[in-house]
C-alpha atoms as a PDB file:
ATOM      1  CA  MET A   1       4.368 -36.870 -15.063  1.00  0.00           C
ATOM      2  CA  PHE A   2       1.332 -37.287 -17.161  1.00  0.00           C
ATOM      3  CA  THR A   3       0.907 -35.403 -20.843  1.00  0.00           C
ATOM      4  CA  GLU A   4      -1.854 -35.100 -23.358  1.00  0.00           C
ATOM      5  CA  GLY A   5      -2.584 -37.606 -25.055  1.00  0.00           C
ATOM      6  CA  GLU A   6      -2.316 -40.582 -22.233  1.00  0.00           C
ATOM      7  CA  GLY A   7      -6.199 -40.772 -21.852  1.00  0.00           C
ATOM      8  CA  MET A   8      -6.115 -38.924 -18.585  1.00  0.00           C
ATOM      9  CA  LYS A   9      -8.657 -36.154 -18.086  1.00  0.00           C
ATOM     10  CA  ILE A  10      -9.928 -34.085 -15.692  1.00  0.00           C
ATOM     11  CA  GLU A  11     -13.515 -33.554 -15.079  1.00  0.00           C
ATOM     12  CA  GLY A  12     -15.994 -31.232 -12.479  1.00  0.00           C
ATOM     13  CA  THR A  13     -15.860 -28.424 -10.954  1.00  0.00           C
ATOM     14  CA  ILE A  14     -15.219 -27.750  -7.182  1.00  0.00           C
ATOM     15  CA  SER A  15     -17.649 -27.314  -5.284  1.00  0.00           C
ATOM     16  CA  GLY A  16     -18.916 -26.652  -1.644  1.00  0.00           C
ATOM     17  CA  THR A  17     -17.061 -25.330   1.197  1.00  0.00           C
ATOM     18  CA  LEU A  18     -13.123 -26.129   1.864  1.00  0.00           C
ATOM     19  CA  ASP A  19     -13.239 -27.405   4.897  1.00  0.00           C
ATOM     20  CA  VAL A  20     -10.467 -25.314   6.315  1.00  0.00           C
ATOM     21  CA  LYS A  21     -10.751 -22.756   9.663  1.00  0.00           C
ATOM     22  CA  ARG A  22      -8.168 -20.591   8.569  1.00  0.00           C
ATOM     23  CA  PHE A  23      -7.035 -20.514   5.179  1.00  0.00           C
ATOM     24  CA  TYR A  24      -3.946 -18.856   4.910  1.00  0.00           C
ATOM     25  CA  LEU A  25      -2.490 -17.211   1.557  1.00  0.00           C
ATOM     26  CA  PRO A  26       1.499 -16.979   1.517  1.00  0.00           C
ATOM     27  CA  GLY A  27       2.419 -14.193  -0.090  1.00  0.00           C
ATOM     28  CA  VAL A  28      -0.768 -12.423  -0.664  1.00  0.00           C
ATOM     29  CA  THR A  29      -1.623  -8.928   0.331  1.00  0.00           C
ATOM     30  CA  ILE A  30      -4.935  -7.026  -0.202  1.00  0.00           C
ATOM     31  CA  LYS A  31      -4.555  -3.342  -0.205  1.00  0.00           C
ATOM     32  CA  ASP A  32      -6.976  -0.634  -0.246  1.00  0.00           C
ATOM     33  CA  ASN A  33      -7.252   2.888   1.307  1.00  0.00           C
ATOM     34  CA  CYS A  34      -9.524   4.674   3.967  1.00  0.00           C
ATOM     35  CA  PRO A  35     -12.318   6.215   2.049  1.00  0.00           C
ATOM     36  CA  LYS A  36     -12.639   8.585   4.661  1.00  0.00           C
ATOM     37  CA  CYS A  37      -9.145   9.701   5.453  1.00  0.00           C
ATOM     38  CA  GLY A  38      -7.435   7.630   2.856  1.00  0.00           C
ATOM     39  CA  VAL A  39      -4.854   6.082   4.843  1.00  0.00           C
ATOM     40  CA  GLU A  40      -3.714   2.960   3.102  1.00  0.00           C
ATOM     41  CA  LEU A  41      -4.230   0.025   4.933  1.00  0.00           C
ATOM     42  CA  ILE A  42      -2.671  -4.064   3.953  1.00  0.00           C
ATOM     43  CA  LYS A  43      -4.112  -6.921   4.839  1.00  0.00           C
ATOM     44  CA  ASP A  44      -1.086 -10.256   4.804  1.00  0.00           C
ATOM     45  CA  PHE A  45      -2.571 -12.998   4.119  1.00  0.00           C
ATOM     46  CA  SER A  46       0.294 -14.837   5.082  1.00  0.00           C
ATOM     47  CA  ASN A  47       0.738 -13.320   8.524  1.00  0.00           C
ATOM     48  CA  GLY A  48      -2.364 -13.300  10.884  1.00  0.00           C
ATOM     49  CA  GLU A  49      -5.130 -12.687   7.853  1.00  0.00           C
ATOM     50  CA  TYR A  50      -6.860 -15.502   6.329  1.00  0.00           C
ATOM     51  CA  LEU A  51     -10.366 -16.641   4.797  1.00  0.00           C
ATOM     52  CA  SER A  52     -12.828 -18.949   7.005  1.00  0.00           C
ATOM     53  CA  TYR A  53     -13.925 -21.800   5.503  1.00  0.00           C
ATOM     54  CA  PRO A  54     -14.155 -20.231   2.063  1.00  0.00           C
ATOM     55  CA  THR A  55     -16.310 -21.287  -0.718  1.00  0.00           C
ATOM     56  CA  ALA A  56     -13.956 -21.540  -4.327  1.00  0.00           C
ATOM     57  CA  GLY A  57     -15.709 -19.409  -6.537  1.00  0.00           C
ATOM     58  CA  LYS A  58     -18.176 -17.626  -4.423  1.00  0.00           C
ATOM     59  CA  PRO A  59     -17.354 -14.084  -3.026  1.00  0.00           C
ATOM     60  CA  GLU A  60     -15.896 -13.583   0.350  1.00  0.00           C
ATOM     61  CA  LYS A  61     -16.422 -10.841   2.289  1.00  0.00           C
ATOM     62  CA  ILE A  62     -13.020  -8.753   3.620  1.00  0.00           C
ATOM     63  CA  HIS A  63     -13.423  -6.782   6.283  1.00  0.00           C
ATOM     64  CA  PHE A  64     -11.254  -3.651   6.417  1.00  0.00           C
ATOM     65  CA  TRP A  65     -10.857  -0.881  10.089  1.00  0.00           C
ATOM     66  CA  CYS A  66      -8.495   2.374   9.676  1.00  0.00           C
ATOM     67  CA  GLU A  67      -7.270   2.984  13.168  1.00  0.00           C
ATOM     68  CA  GLU A  68      -6.565   6.586  12.404  1.00  0.00           C
ATOM     69  CA  CYS A  69     -10.475   7.755  11.899  1.00  0.00           C
ATOM     70  CA  ASP A  70     -12.368   4.616  13.101  1.00  0.00           C
ATOM     71  CA  GLU A  71     -13.475   3.857   9.135  1.00  0.00           C
ATOM     72  CA  GLU A  72     -14.833   0.415   8.750  1.00  0.00           C
ATOM     73  CA  TRP A  73     -15.902  -0.913   5.349  1.00  0.00           C
ATOM     74  CA  SER A  74     -15.412  -4.183   3.454  1.00  0.00           C
ATOM     75  CA  GLY A  75     -14.789  -5.477  -0.169  1.00  0.00           C
ATOM     76  CA  GLU A  76     -15.315  -8.969  -1.541  1.00  0.00           C
ATOM     77  CA  VAL A  77     -12.504 -11.442  -3.589  1.00  0.00           C
ATOM     78  CA  ILE A  78     -13.214 -14.790  -5.027  1.00  0.00           C
ATOM     79  CA  LEU A  79     -11.037 -17.768  -4.291  1.00  0.00           C
ATOM     80  CA  ASP A  80     -10.448 -19.627  -7.745  1.00  0.00           C
ATOM     81  CA  ILE A  81      -8.891 -22.915  -7.543  1.00  0.00           C
ATOM     82  CA  ASN A  82      -7.154 -24.925 -10.480  1.00  0.00           C
ATOM     83  CA  LEU A  83      -6.429 -28.611 -11.188  1.00  0.00           C
ATOM     84  CA  ARG A  84      -4.241 -28.750 -13.816  1.00  0.00           C
ATOM     85  CA  MET A  85      -2.113 -31.534 -15.344  1.00  0.00           C
ATOM     86  CA  ARG A  86       1.346 -31.534 -16.077  1.00  0.00           C
END
């Protein structure tokens, strides 16, 4: 384990696309209500949903479809990745 003051430093920022076709996020869900009928929809990123080749720090589109009224819409999320010393 490294502690502050031992000379170890983390520098730079993550850039570029992550080389991961299906980037799952266990424990993460995104909930939204259908703008047409109000039904709550849940995207579970540990069970079937994933980001495809995401780029850290850049917006990624998330698409929703309501089975109740056939409405489609989308939103954006940003995947932030942090690296810290312990």
